C-alpha atoms as a PDB file:
ATOM      1  CA  MET A   1      97.398  72.579  92.143  1.00  0.00           C
ATOM      2  CA  ARG A   2     101.100  71.495  90.624  1.00  0.00           C
ATOM      3  CA  ARG A   3     103.203  74.499  89.833  1.00  0.00           C
ATOM      4  CA  CYS A   4     106.657  74.549  88.612  1.00  0.00           C
ATOM      5  CA  THR A   5     109.714  74.185  90.416  1.00  0.00           C
ATOM      6  CA  LYS A   6     111.373  76.961  89.312  1.00  0.00           C
ATOM      7  CA  CYS A   7     108.750  79.627  88.317  1.00  0.00           C
ATOM      8  CA  VAL A   8     104.994  79.770  89.668  1.00  0.00           C
ATOM      9  CA  LEU A   9     103.130  78.365  86.468  1.00  0.00           C
ATOM     10  CA  PRO A  10     100.615  75.894  87.505  1.00  0.00           C
ATOM     11  CA  GLU A  11      99.662  72.605  85.303  1.00  0.00           C
ATOM     12  CA  THR A  12      96.580  74.548  83.910  1.00  0.00           C
ATOM     13  CA  PHE A  13      98.711  77.037  81.859  1.00  0.00           C
ATOM     14  CA  PRO A  14      98.314  76.434  77.973  1.00  0.00           C
ATOM     15  CA  PHE A  15     100.803  74.129  76.444  1.00  0.00           C
ATOM     16  CA  ILE A  16     103.048  73.571  80.025  1.00  0.00           C
ATOM     17  CA  ARG A  17     104.759  70.418  80.061  1.00  0.00           C
ATOM     18  CA  PHE A  18     107.092  69.270  83.223  1.00  0.00           C
ATOM     19  CA  ASP A  19     110.276  67.478  83.199  1.00  0.00           C
ATOM     20  CA  ASP A  20     111.315  65.013  85.743  1.00  0.00           C
ATOM     21  CA  SER A  21     112.490  67.672  88.205  1.00  0.00           C
ATOM     22  CA  GLY A  22     108.921  69.212  87.737  1.00  0.00           C
ATOM     23  CA  VAL A  23     110.499  72.249  85.814  1.00  0.00           C
ATOM     24  CA  CYS A  24     108.456  73.670  83.060  1.00  0.00           C
ATOM     25  CA  ASN A  25     109.045  73.969  79.199  1.00  0.00           C
ATOM     26  CA  PHE A  26     108.907  77.659  79.684  1.00  0.00           C
ATOM     27  CA  CYS A  27     111.422  77.955  82.068  1.00  0.00           C
ATOM     28  CA  ASN A  28     113.994  75.154  80.053  1.00  0.00           C
ATOM     29  CA  ASN A  29     113.415  77.243  77.077  1.00  0.00           C
ATOM     30  CA  HIS A  30     114.039  80.591  78.541  1.00  0.00           C
ATOM     31  CA  ARG A  31     116.573  82.849  77.033  1.00  0.00           C
ATOM     32  CA  PRO A  32     117.745  85.451  79.191  1.00  0.00           C
ATOM     33  CA  HIS A  33     116.326  88.705  77.974  1.00  0.00           C
ATOM     34  CA  ALA A  34     119.970  90.645  76.275  1.00  0.00           C
ATOM     35  CA  LEU A  35     119.585  94.145  76.817  1.00  0.00           C
ATOM     36  CA  LYS A  36     121.054  96.449  74.060  1.00  0.00           C
ATOM     37  CA  GLY A  37     122.281  98.649  76.861  1.00  0.00           C
ATOM     38  CA  GLU A  38     122.054 102.670  77.355  1.00  0.00           C
ATOM     39  CA  THR A  39     124.585 103.333  74.852  1.00  0.00           C
ATOM     40  CA  LYS A  40     123.047 101.730  72.316  1.00  0.00           C
ATOM     41  CA  LEU A  41     119.810 103.944  73.355  1.00  0.00           C
ATOM     42  CA  ARG A  42     121.570 106.962  73.780  1.00  0.00           C
ATOM     43  CA  GLN A  43     122.981 106.635  70.334  1.00  0.00           C
ATOM     44  CA  GLU A  44     119.905 106.168  68.776  1.00  0.00           C
ATOM     45  CA  LEU A  45     118.090 108.974  70.238  1.00  0.00           C
ATOM     46  CA  GLU A  46     120.842 111.277  69.508  1.00  0.00           C
ATOM     47  CA  SER A  47     120.324 110.606  66.075  1.00  0.00           C
ATOM     48  CA  VAL A  48     116.843 112.255  65.935  1.00  0.00           C
ATOM     49  CA  ARG A  49     117.622 115.033  68.668  1.00  0.00           C
ATOM     50  CA  ARG A  50     116.414 118.524  66.714  1.00  0.00           C
ATOM     51  CA  GLY A  51     118.204 122.041  67.560  1.00  0.00           C
ATOM     52  CA  ASP A  52     115.238 123.928  66.906  1.00  0.00           C
ATOM     53  CA  GLY A  53     113.439 122.789  70.414  1.00  0.00           C
ATOM     54  CA  LYS A  54     110.709 121.129  69.117  1.00  0.00           C
ATOM     55  CA  PRO A  55     109.657 117.842  69.939  1.00  0.00           C
ATOM     56  CA  GLU A  56     111.663 114.430  68.500  1.00  0.00           C
ATOM     57  CA  ILE A  57     109.782 111.564  69.355  1.00  0.00           C
ATOM     58  CA  LEU A  58     106.140 110.272  70.206  1.00  0.00           C
ATOM     59  CA  PHE A  59     105.548 108.377  73.295  1.00  0.00           C
ATOM     60  CA  PRO A  60     102.343 106.613  73.980  1.00  0.00           C
ATOM     61  CA  ILE A  61     101.313 106.974  77.804  1.00  0.00           C
ATOM     62  CA  SER A  62      98.717 104.861  79.613  1.00  0.00           C
ATOM     63  CA  GLY A  63      98.931 106.414  82.883  1.00  0.00           C
ATOM     64  CA  GLY A  64     100.427 102.820  84.041  1.00  0.00           C
ATOM     65  CA  ARG A  65     103.973 102.486  85.806  1.00  0.00           C
ATOM     66  CA  ASP A  66     105.769 101.118  82.965  1.00  0.00           C
ATOM     67  CA  SER A  67     104.715 104.005  80.394  1.00  0.00           C
ATOM     68  CA  CYS A  68     105.090 106.685  83.067  1.00  0.00           C
ATOM     69  CA  TYR A  69     108.424 105.639  84.722  1.00  0.00           C
ATOM     70  CA  ALA A  70     109.897 105.528  81.107  1.00  0.00           C
ATOM     71  CA  LEU A  71     108.752 109.104  80.417  1.00  0.00           C
ATOM     72  CA  HIS A  72     110.446 110.133  83.166  1.00  0.00           C
ATOM     73  CA  VAL A  73     113.766 108.639  82.144  1.00  0.00           C
ATOM     74  CA  VAL A  74     113.394 109.534  78.628  1.00  0.00           C
ATOM     75  CA  VAL A  75     112.800 113.292  79.604  1.00  0.00           C
ATOM     76  CA  ARG A  76     114.967 113.510  82.737  1.00  0.00           C
ATOM     77  CA  ASP A  77     117.835 111.132  81.983  1.00  0.00           C
ATOM     78  CA  PHE A  78     118.224 111.526  77.878  1.00  0.00           C
ATOM     79  CA  GLY A  79     116.959 115.100  77.718  1.00  0.00           C
ATOM     80  CA  ILE A  80     114.661 114.244  74.823  1.00  0.00           C
ATOM     81  CA  LYS A  81     111.543 115.947  74.319  1.00  0.00           C
ATOM     82  CA  PRO A  82     108.489 113.583  73.434  1.00  0.00           C
ATOM     83  CA  VAL A  83     104.820 114.465  72.732  1.00  0.00           C
ATOM     84  CA  ALA A  84     103.311 111.892  74.899  1.00  0.00           C
ATOM     85  CA  TYR A  85      99.927 110.093  73.578  1.00  0.00           C
ATOM     86  CA  THR A  86      96.959 108.375  75.054  1.00  0.00           C
ATOM     87  CA  TYR A  87      94.106 106.521  73.028  1.00  0.00           C
ATOM     88  CA  ASP A  88      91.161 106.749  75.295  1.00  0.00           C
ATOM     89  CA  TRP A  89      88.914 103.997  74.255  1.00  0.00           C
ATOM     90  CA  GLY A  90      86.631 104.171  77.345  1.00  0.00           C
ATOM     91  CA  MET A  91      88.696 101.992  79.817  1.00  0.00           C
ATOM     92  CA  VAL A  92      91.225 104.616  80.773  1.00  0.00           C
ATOM     93  CA  THR A  93      90.651 105.168  84.264  1.00  0.00           C
ATOM     94  CA  ASP A  94      90.294 108.323  86.255  1.00  0.00           C
ATOM     95  CA  LEU A  95      93.421 107.257  88.045  1.00  0.00           C
ATOM     96  CA  ALA A  96      95.238 106.993  84.968  1.00  0.00           C
ATOM     97  CA  ARG A  97      94.297 110.395  83.552  1.00  0.00           C
ATOM     98  CA  ARG A  98      95.323 112.057  86.960  1.00  0.00           C
ATOM     99  CA  ASN A  99      98.504 110.207  86.672  1.00  0.00           C
ATOM    100  CA  ILE A 100      99.402 111.234  83.430  1.00  0.00           C
ATOM    101  CA  SER A 101      98.546 114.626  84.123  1.00  0.00           C
ATOM    102  CA  ARG A 102     101.076 114.564  87.345  1.00  0.00           C
ATOM    103  CA  MET A 103     103.646 112.965  84.445  1.00  0.00           C
ATOM    104  CA  CYS A 104     103.558 115.423  82.021  1.00  0.00           C
ATOM    105  CA  GLY A 105     102.752 118.604  84.050  1.00  0.00           C
ATOM    106  CA  ALA A 106     105.850 117.860  86.000  1.00  0.00           C
ATOM    107  CA  LEU A 107     107.996 116.906  82.894  1.00  0.00           C
ATOM    108  CA  GLY A 108     106.416 119.828  81.058  1.00  0.00           C
ATOM    109  CA  ILE A 109     105.508 117.487  78.276  1.00  0.00           C
ATOM    110  CA  GLU A 110     102.672 118.172  75.681  1.00  0.00           C
ATOM    111  CA  HIS A 111      99.778 115.543  75.991  1.00  0.00           C
ATOM    112  CA  VAL A 112      97.768 114.504  72.915  1.00  0.00           C
ATOM    113  CA  LEU A 113      94.647 112.590  73.913  1.00  0.00           C
ATOM    114  CA  ILE A 114      92.865 111.014  70.720  1.00  0.00           C
ATOM    115  CA  SER A 115      89.616 110.022  71.691  1.00  0.00           C
ATOM    116  CA  ALA A 116      86.976 107.168  70.505  1.00  0.00           C
ATOM    117  CA  ASP A 117      83.265 107.518  70.701  1.00  0.00           C
ATOM    118  CA  ILE A 118      83.371 106.657  74.451  1.00  0.00           C
ATOM    119  CA  ARG A 119      79.652 105.914  74.685  1.00  0.00           C
ATOM    120  CA  ARG A 120      79.758 103.827  71.620  1.00  0.00           C
ATOM    121  CA  LYS A 121      83.151 101.869  72.660  1.00  0.00           C
ATOM    122  CA  ARG A 122      81.452 101.159  75.956  1.00  0.00           C
ATOM    123  CA  GLU A 123      78.172  99.819  74.576  1.00  0.00           C
ATOM    124  CA  TYR A 124      80.383  97.213  72.092  1.00  0.00           C
ATOM    125  CA  ILE A 125      82.429  96.024  75.221  1.00  0.00           C
ATOM    126  CA  ARG A 126      78.840  95.754  77.129  1.00  0.00           C
ATOM    127  CA  THR A 127      77.447  93.595  74.016  1.00  0.00           C
ATOM    128  CA  ASN A 128      80.542  91.550  74.110  1.00  0.00           C
ATOM    129  CA  VAL A 129      80.669  90.918  77.401  1.00  0.00           C
ATOM    130  CA  SER A 130      76.911  90.118  77.520  1.00  0.00           C
ATOM    131  CA  ALA A 131      77.666  87.587  74.695  1.00  0.00           C
ATOM    132  CA  TRP A 132      80.560  85.953  76.527  1.00  0.00           C
ATOM    133  CA  LEU A 133      78.230  85.305  79.875  1.00  0.00           C
ATOM    134  CA  ARG A 134      75.621  83.289  77.259  1.00  0.00           C
ATOM    135  CA  LYS A 135      78.719  80.784  76.407  1.00  0.00           C
ATOM    136  CA  PRO A 136      81.657  81.818  78.447  1.00  0.00           C
ATOM    137  CA  HIS A 137      85.202  80.596  76.697  1.00  0.00           C
ATOM    138  CA  LEU A 138      88.445  81.464  78.163  1.00  0.00           C
ATOM    139  CA  GLY A 139      89.669  82.185  74.856  1.00  0.00           C
ATOM    140  CA  THR A 140      87.379  84.867  73.901  1.00  0.00           C
ATOM    141  CA  VAL A 141      88.237  86.913  76.878  1.00  0.00           C
ATOM    142  CA  PRO A 142      90.452  89.178  75.227  1.00  0.00           C
ATOM    143  CA  LEU A 143      87.479  90.494  73.064  1.00  0.00           C
ATOM    144  CA  PHE A 144      86.523  92.505  75.651  1.00  0.00           C
ATOM    145  CA  MET A 145      89.613  94.571  75.422  1.00  0.00           C
ATOM    146  CA  ALA A 146      89.601  94.613  71.486  1.00  0.00           C
ATOM    147  CA  GLY A 147      88.631  98.313  71.802  1.00  0.00           C
ATOM    148  CA  ASP A 148      92.160  99.624  72.689  1.00  0.00           C
ATOM    149  CA  LYS A 149      94.207  98.018  69.770  1.00  0.00           C
ATOM    150  CA  GLN A 150      93.559 100.938  67.452  1.00  0.00           C
ATOM    151  CA  LEU A 151      96.435 102.271  69.879  1.00  0.00           C
ATOM    152  CA  TRP A 152      98.765 101.203  67.264  1.00  0.00           C
ATOM    153  CA  TYR A 153      97.027 102.968  64.407  1.00  0.00           C
ATOM    154  CA  TYR A 154      96.707 106.485  65.866  1.00  0.00           C
ATOM    155  CA  ALA A 155      99.811 105.921  67.064  1.00  0.00           C
ATOM    156  CA  ASN A 156     101.297 105.587  63.333  1.00  0.00           C
ATOM    157  CA  MET A 157      99.036 108.107  62.412  1.00  0.00           C
ATOM    158  CA  LEU A 158     100.088 110.949  64.882  1.00  0.00           C
ATOM    159  CA  LYS A 159     103.822 110.413  64.533  1.00  0.00           C
ATOM    160  CA  ASP A 160     103.297 111.187  60.499  1.00  0.00           C
ATOM    161  CA  GLU A 161     101.109 113.966  61.130  1.00  0.00           C
ATOM    162  CA  MET A 162     103.598 115.644  63.779  1.00  0.00           C
ATOM    163  CA  GLY A 163     106.464 115.072  61.576  1.00  0.00           C
ATOM    164  CA  LEU A 164     108.254 113.024  64.771  1.00  0.00           C
ATOM    165  CA  ALA A 165     111.500 111.028  63.668  1.00  0.00           C
ATOM    166  CA  ARG A 166     110.169 107.828  65.887  1.00  0.00           C
ATOM    167  CA  THR A 167     107.944 106.195  68.738  1.00  0.00           C
ATOM    168  CA  LEU A 168     109.366 104.923  71.669  1.00  0.00           C
ATOM    169  CA  PHE A 169     106.951 102.646  73.406  1.00  0.00           C
ATOM    170  CA  SER A 170     107.588 101.222  77.147  1.00  0.00           C
ATOM    171  CA  MET A 171     105.988  97.465  76.747  1.00  0.00           C
ATOM    172  CA  ASN A 172     107.748  95.189  79.096  1.00  0.00           C
ATOM    173  CA  PRO A 173     108.609  91.712  77.906  1.00  0.00           C
ATOM    174  CA  LEU A 174     108.392  90.473  81.380  1.00  0.00           C
ATOM    175  CA  GLU A 175     104.759  91.202  80.608  1.00  0.00           C
ATOM    176  CA  ARG A 176     104.510  88.449  78.070  1.00  0.00           C
ATOM    177  CA  THR A 177     101.091  86.960  78.394  1.00  0.00           C
ATOM    178  CA  ASP A 178     100.909  84.066  75.568  1.00  0.00           C
ATOM    179  CA  PHE A 179      98.227  82.196  77.562  1.00  0.00           C
ATOM    180  CA  LYS A 180      95.585  84.367  76.320  1.00  0.00           C
ATOM    181  CA  VAL A 181      96.126  83.130  72.941  1.00  0.00           C
ATOM    182  CA  GLY A 182      96.942  79.752  74.128  1.00  0.00           C
ATOM    183  CA  PHE A 183      92.840  79.295  75.149  1.00  0.00           C
ATOM    184  CA  CYS A 184      92.646  79.581  71.703  1.00  0.00           C
ATOM    185  CA  GLY A 185      94.672  76.343  71.262  1.00  0.00           C
ATOM    186  CA  ILE A 186      97.603  78.503  69.659  1.00  0.00           C
ATOM    187  CA  ASP A 187     101.005  77.359  71.193  1.00  0.00           C
ATOM    188  CA  GLU A 188     103.284  80.301  71.671  1.00  0.00           C
ATOM    189  CA  SER A 189     105.559  78.656  74.028  1.00  0.00           C
ATOM    190  CA  TYR A 190     108.740  79.183  71.914  1.00  0.00           C
ATOM    191  CA  TYR A 191     111.355  81.738  72.051  1.00  0.00           C
ATOM    192  CA  LYS A 192     110.780  84.691  70.167  1.00  0.00           C
ATOM    193  CA  GLU A 193     112.350  88.105  69.857  1.00  0.00           C
ATOM    194  CA  HIS A 194     109.011  90.591  69.955  1.00  0.00           C
ATOM    195  CA  HIS A 195     106.832  89.294  72.951  1.00  0.00           C
ATOM    196  CA  TYR A 196     103.911  91.240  71.140  1.00  0.00           C
ATOM    197  CA  GLU A 197     104.079  89.238  67.708  1.00  0.00           C
ATOM    198  CA  LEU A 198     102.576  85.957  66.426  1.00  0.00           C
ATOM    199  CA  THR A 199     103.759  84.114  63.720  1.00  0.00           C
ATOM    200  CA  PHE A 200     101.935  84.628  60.222  1.00  0.00           C
ATOM    201  CA  ALA A 201     100.236  81.134  60.625  1.00  0.00           C
ATOM    202  CA  ASN A 202      98.994  81.688  64.234  1.00  0.00           C
ATOM    203  CA  LYS A 203      97.679  84.996  63.188  1.00  0.00           C
ATOM    204  CA  LEU A 204      95.622  82.949  60.817  1.00  0.00           C
ATOM    205  CA  ARG A 205      94.514  80.578  63.521  1.00  0.00           C
ATOM    206  CA  LEU A 206      93.697  83.186  65.757  1.00  0.00           C
ATOM    207  CA  GLY A 207      91.126  84.657  63.295  1.00  0.00           C
ATOM    208  CA  GLY A 208      89.739  80.889  62.459  1.00  0.00           C
ATOM    209  CA  PHE A 209      89.303  80.339  66.371  1.00  0.00           C
ATOM    210  CA  TYR A 210      87.281  83.561  66.567  1.00  0.00           C
ATOM    211  CA  MET A 211      85.234  83.298  63.516  1.00  0.00           C
ATOM    212  CA  GLY A 212      84.567  79.582  64.688  1.00  0.00           C
ATOM    213  CA  GLN A 213      83.542  81.345  68.143  1.00  0.00           C
ATOM    214  CA  PHE A 214      81.123  83.755  66.485  1.00  0.00           C
ATOM    215  CA  LEU A 215      79.167  80.839  64.772  1.00  0.00           C
ATOM    216  CA  LEU A 216      78.447  78.931  68.020  1.00  0.00           C
ATOM    217  CA  ASN A 217      77.550  82.185  69.654  1.00  0.00           C
ATOM    218  CA  PRO A 218      76.027  84.270  67.073  1.00  0.00           C
ATOM    219  CA  ALA A 219      75.497  87.254  69.965  1.00  0.00           C
ATOM    220  CA  TYR A 220      79.060  88.191  69.170  1.00  0.00           C
ATOM    221  CA  ILE A 221      77.876  89.128  65.304  1.00  0.00           C
ATOM    222  CA  ASN A 222      76.628  92.683  66.738  1.00  0.00           C
ATOM    223  CA  ALA A 223      77.446  96.521  66.114  1.00  0.00           C
ATOM    224  CA  SER A 224      80.771  95.993  67.434  1.00  0.00           C
ATOM    225  CA  LEU A 225      82.071  93.714  64.736  1.00  0.00           C
ATOM    226  CA  LEU A 226      83.443  96.016  62.350  1.00  0.00           C
ATOM    227  CA  ASP A 227      85.116  97.572  65.389  1.00  0.00           C
ATOM    228  CA  SER A 228      86.927  94.380  66.203  1.00  0.00           C
ATOM    229  CA  ALA A 229      88.232  93.789  62.784  1.00  0.00           C
ATOM    230  CA  PHE A 230      89.986  97.034  63.110  1.00  0.00           C
ATOM    231  CA  ALA A 231      91.717  96.034  66.290  1.00  0.00           C
ATOM    232  CA  TYR A 232      92.835  92.951  64.395  1.00  0.00           C
ATOM    233  CA  PHE A 233      94.185  94.708  61.465  1.00  0.00           C
ATOM    234  CA  SER A 234      95.664  97.435  64.046  1.00  0.00           C
ATOM    235  CA  TYR A 235      97.530  95.193  66.199  1.00  0.00           C
ATOM    236  CA  TYR A 236      98.669  92.687  63.824  1.00  0.00           C
ATOM    237  CA  LEU A 237      98.733  93.460  60.210  1.00  0.00           C
ATOM    238  CA  ILE A 238     100.107  97.067  60.247  1.00  0.00           C
ATOM    239  CA  PRO A 239     103.878  97.648  60.420  1.00  0.00           C
ATOM    240  CA  LYS A 240     105.275  98.208  64.252  1.00  0.00           C
ATOM    241  CA  ASP A 241     108.366 100.408  63.494  1.00  0.00           C
ATOM    242  CA  PHE A 242     108.898 101.507  67.267  1.00  0.00           C
ATOM    243  CA  THR A 243     111.366 101.470  69.931  1.00  0.00           C
ATOM    244  CA  LEU A 244     110.723  99.785  72.964  1.00  0.00           C
ATOM    245  CA  ILE A 245     112.607 101.355  75.827  1.00  0.00           C
ATOM    246  CA  PHE A 246     113.082  98.116  77.764  1.00  0.00           C
ATOM    247  CA  ASP A 247     114.983  96.067  75.200  1.00  0.00           C
ATOM    248  CA  TYR A 248     117.555  98.806  76.132  1.00  0.00           C
ATOM    249  CA  LEU A 249     117.370  99.466  79.935  1.00  0.00           C
ATOM    250  CA  PRO A 250     116.616  97.228  82.712  1.00  0.00           C
ATOM    251  CA  TRP A 251     113.521  96.670  84.353  1.00  0.00           C
ATOM    252  CA  ARG A 252     113.610  97.225  88.514  1.00  0.00           C
ATOM    253  CA  GLU A 253     110.403  97.271  90.025  1.00  0.00           C
ATOM    254  CA  HIS A 254     111.591  98.657  92.683  1.00  0.00           C
ATOM    255  CA  GLU A 255     113.258 101.420  91.239  1.00  0.00           C
ATOM    256  CA  VAL A 256     110.235 102.352  89.056  1.00  0.00           C
ATOM    257  CA  GLU A 257     107.708 102.792  92.270  1.00  0.00           C
ATOM    258  CA  SER A 258     110.359 104.578  94.188  1.00  0.00           C
ATOM    259  CA  THR A 259     110.754 107.081  91.523  1.00  0.00           C
ATOM    260  CA  LEU A 260     106.736 107.167  90.678  1.00  0.00           C
ATOM    261  CA  LEU A 261     106.114 107.451  94.367  1.00  0.00           C
ATOM    262  CA  GLY A 262     108.905 109.724  95.627  1.00  0.00           C
ATOM    263  CA  GLN A 263     109.345 112.314  92.939  1.00  0.00           C
ATOM    264  CA  TYR A 264     105.914 112.634  91.274  1.00  0.00           C
ATOM    265  CA  GLY A 265     103.299 111.521  93.856  1.00  0.00           C
ATOM    266  CA  TRP A 266     101.759 108.920  91.730  1.00  0.00           C
ATOM    267  CA  GLU A 267      98.584 107.323  92.604  1.00  0.00           C
ATOM    268  CA  THR A 268      97.778 103.811  93.683  1.00  0.00           C
ATOM    269  CA  SER A 269      94.610 102.308  93.924  1.00  0.00           C
ATOM    270  CA  PRO A 270      92.870 101.753  97.018  1.00  0.00           C
ATOM    271  CA  ASP A 271      91.673  98.115  96.210  1.00  0.00           C
ATOM    272  CA  THR A 272      95.134  96.698  95.547  1.00  0.00           C
ATOM    273  CA  LYS A 273      98.619  96.374  96.800  1.00  0.00           C
ATOM    274  CA  SER A 274      99.944  95.995  93.574  1.00  0.00           C
ATOM    275  CA  THR A 275     101.117  99.010  90.864  1.00  0.00           C
ATOM    276  CA  TRP A 276     100.579  97.165  87.926  1.00  0.00           C
ATOM    277  CA  ARG A 277      97.384  97.434  85.401  1.00  0.00           C
ATOM    278  CA  ILE A 278      95.756  99.877  88.016  1.00  0.00           C
ATOM    279  CA  GLY A 279      95.130 102.352  85.253  1.00  0.00           C
ATOM    280  CA  ASP A 280      93.253  99.661  83.048  1.00  0.00           C
ATOM    281  CA  GLY A 281      90.018  99.528  83.863  1.00  0.00           C
ATOM    282  CA  THR A 282      89.373  95.926  82.104  1.00  0.00           C
ATOM    283  CA  ALA A 283      92.488  94.120  83.978  1.00  0.00           C
ATOM    284  CA  ALA A 284      90.243  93.406  87.380  1.00  0.00           C
ATOM    285  CA  PHE A 285      87.287  91.561  85.463  1.00  0.00           C
ATOM    286  CA  TYR A 286      89.445  89.506  83.287  1.00  0.00           C
ATOM    287  CA  ASN A 287      92.058  88.459  85.586  1.00  0.00           C
ATOM    288  CA  TYR A 288      89.221  87.397  88.137  1.00  0.00           C
ATOM    289  CA  ILE A 289      87.898  85.031  85.381  1.00  0.00           C
ATOM    290  CA  TYR A 290      91.483  83.292  84.566  1.00  0.00           C
ATOM    291  CA  LEU A 291      92.068  83.374  88.253  1.00  0.00           C
ATOM    292  CA  LYS A 292      88.657  81.847  89.169  1.00  0.00           C
ATOM    293  CA  VAL A 293      88.279  79.236  86.200  1.00  0.00           C
ATOM    294  CA  ALA A 294      92.277  78.449  85.494  1.00  0.00           C
ATOM    295  CA  GLY A 295      93.630  79.273  88.855  1.00  0.00           C
ATOM    296  CA  PHE A 296      96.104  81.640  87.583  1.00  0.00           C
ATOM    297  CA  SER A 297      96.195  85.480  86.295  1.00  0.00           C
ATOM    298  CA  GLU A 298      98.729  88.007  84.511  1.00  0.00           C
ATOM    299  CA  ASN A 299     100.616  88.290  87.802  1.00  0.00           C
ATOM    300  CA  ASP A 300     101.768  84.460  87.551  1.00  0.00           C
ATOM    301  CA  THR A 301     103.272  85.173  84.272  1.00  0.00           C
ATOM    302  CA  PHE A 302     104.709  88.491  85.523  1.00  0.00           C
ATOM    303  CA  ARG A 303     106.277  86.665  88.677  1.00  0.00           C
ATOM    304  CA  SER A 304     107.380  83.783  86.628  1.00  0.00           C
ATOM    305  CA  ASN A 305     109.343  85.856  84.097  1.00  0.00           C
ATOM    306  CA  GLN A 306     111.018  87.811  87.079  1.00  0.00           C
ATOM    307  CA  ILE A 307     112.098  84.836  88.515  1.00  0.00           C
ATOM    308  CA  ARG A 308     113.398  83.325  85.078  1.00  0.00           C
ATOM    309  CA  GLU A 309     115.399  86.623  84.702  1.00  0.00           C
ATOM    310  CA  GLY A 310     116.805  86.448  88.249  1.00  0.00           C
ATOM    311  CA  LEU A 311     114.490  89.470  89.456  1.00  0.00           C
ATOM    312  CA  MET A 312     112.925  87.279  92.113  1.00  0.00           C
ATOM    313  CA  THR A 313     112.937  84.399  94.268  1.00  0.00           C
ATOM    314  CA  ARG A 314     110.409  81.771  94.007  1.00  0.00           C
ATOM    315  CA  ARG A 315     109.381  82.384  97.383  1.00  0.00           C
ATOM    316  CA  GLU A 316     109.229  86.002  97.052  1.00  0.00           C
ATOM    317  CA  ALA A 317     107.036  85.470  93.827  1.00  0.00           C
ATOM    318  CA  ILE A 318     104.753  83.025  95.854  1.00  0.00           C
ATOM    319  CA  GLU A 319     104.254  85.382  98.459  1.00  0.00           C
ATOM    320  CA  LYS A 320     103.701  88.228  95.575  1.00  0.00           C
ATOM    321  CA  ILE A 321     100.732  86.615  93.722  1.00  0.00           C
ATOM    322  CA  TYR A 322      98.925  85.552  96.619  1.00  0.00           C
ATOM    323  CA  GLU A 323      98.951  89.515  97.221  1.00  0.00           C
ATOM    324  CA  ASP A 324      98.696  90.458  93.555  1.00  0.00           C
ATOM    325  CA  ASN A 325      95.554  87.927  93.034  1.00  0.00           C
ATOM    326  CA  GLN A 326      93.568  89.198  95.693  1.00  0.00           C
ATOM    327  CA  PRO A 327      90.020  90.005  93.703  1.00  0.00           C
ATOM    328  CA  ARG A 328      89.662  93.762  92.948  1.00  0.00           C
ATOM    329  CA  VAL A 329      86.368  93.847  93.967  1.00  0.00           C
ATOM    330  CA  ALA A 330      85.987  97.850  93.704  1.00  0.00           C
ATOM    331  CA  SER A 331      87.561  98.289  90.277  1.00  0.00           C
ATOM    332  CA  ILE A 332      85.066  95.231  88.764  1.00  0.00           C
ATOM    333  CA  ALA A 333      82.499  97.038  90.318  1.00  0.00           C
ATOM    334  CA  TRP A 334      83.332 100.074  88.409  1.00  0.00           C
ATOM    335  CA  TYR A 335      83.759  98.125  85.296  1.00  0.00           C
ATOM    336  CA  PHE A 336      80.301  97.013  85.482  1.00  0.00           C
ATOM    337  CA  ASP A 337      78.957 100.310  86.363  1.00  0.00           C
ATOM    338  CA  THR A 338      80.449 101.598  83.377  1.00  0.00           C
ATOM    339  CA  ILE A 339      79.135  99.336  80.715  1.00  0.00           C
ATOM    340  CA  GLY A 340      76.074  98.836  82.088  1.00  0.00           C
ATOM    341  CA  LEU A 341      75.907  95.182  83.451  1.00  0.00           C
ATOM    342  CA  ASP A 342      75.110  93.710  86.616  1.00  0.00           C
ATOM    343  CA  ALA A 343      78.019  92.930  88.117  1.00  0.00           C
ATOM    344  CA  ILE A 344      77.007  90.074  90.729  1.00  0.00           C
ATOM    345  CA  GLU A 345      75.229  88.131  88.166  1.00  0.00           C
ATOM    346  CA  ALA A 346      78.414  88.061  85.775  1.00  0.00           C
ATOM    347  CA  VAL A 347      80.373  86.933  88.845  1.00  0.00           C
ATOM    348  CA  LYS A 348      77.980  84.173  89.434  1.00  0.00           C
ATOM    349  CA  THR A 349      78.251  82.845  85.789  1.00  0.00           C
ATOM    350  CA  ILE A 350      82.006  82.876  86.038  1.00  0.00           C
ATOM    351  CA  ASN A 351      81.605  80.962  89.603  1.00  0.00           C
ATOM    352  CA  ARG A 352      79.661  78.657  87.745  1.00  0.00           C
ATOM    353  CA  MET A 353      81.940  77.822  85.192  1.00  0.00           C
ATOM    354  CA  ARG A 354      83.896  74.532  84.984  1.00  0.00           C
ATOM    355  CA  ILE A 355      87.289  74.928  86.634  1.00  0.00           C
ATOM    356  CA  HIS A 356      90.291  73.621  85.285  1.00  0.00           C
ATOM    357  CA  TYR A 357      91.863  72.667  88.343  1.00  0.00           C
END
């Protein structure tokens, strides 16, 4: 399979093009992420500091490495008192819960858990995965994760209810995964300031794509439909007025891991050497689909972005994706046990799909 000669993206990546030197358009169009700097972040956080000892900001935490490390930085390096917040939609793993507990306990932080109706959410996942297996399409894979998008809605609600000045997110710009909407026929290969946003026109196209898929596969028209619509509203339509810590500070993988493992006894997953996405109960399954059918996963995009930012050589990235992309069998088994489907039959269906390479 042909890959970019500068990064590691393959020829199956949506909307990829190679120049005469074999360099992809994503590398040619890349602009280095311009950090706003520690001084600017300190000024912004100082502007919301309170003198009465009460919390100043809302800090969403998933139990993953980015949010756990960023919480450490906010509390230990900047002296800000946050309220940590988790939205549990049924796929927050026990490992993630334990890591959240470790961090909040060690830092003395209040933690607010907003839980959905877990049984119902898992039923929605089950019905959508069952529908997908009838007529699998890479563009509709994100429907499995629709249930977590209400995170944004409840973050806004909680911030206002608690009278907090700001919401500080830890989303990492290196984790841009536009290929997910690329498989819906939507080109997001252009430069954009906020990696999590779509243009208004592409939001409409995305909605149209899913409506078309629902008509082609009526099994998607099930009890989860209103929840999925709420997810679309929460992620794409409500205002996102928050601060991203990694728009200011550099993300250094070694420093992140050494801090979490060395200072907090942060727990890793036994079925992978990677520390990324290990608290997300869905990631092992959907990355297996992308890898099996398209020949790449989120790991390839992440490592390619690290190459473009000068954080990793291509040789190192090739070694890393081989390691990162090993199927996480135990996590996939947990996922199917949790939603009540047969993992073996699902994997057989995926393995019968037409591969793109």
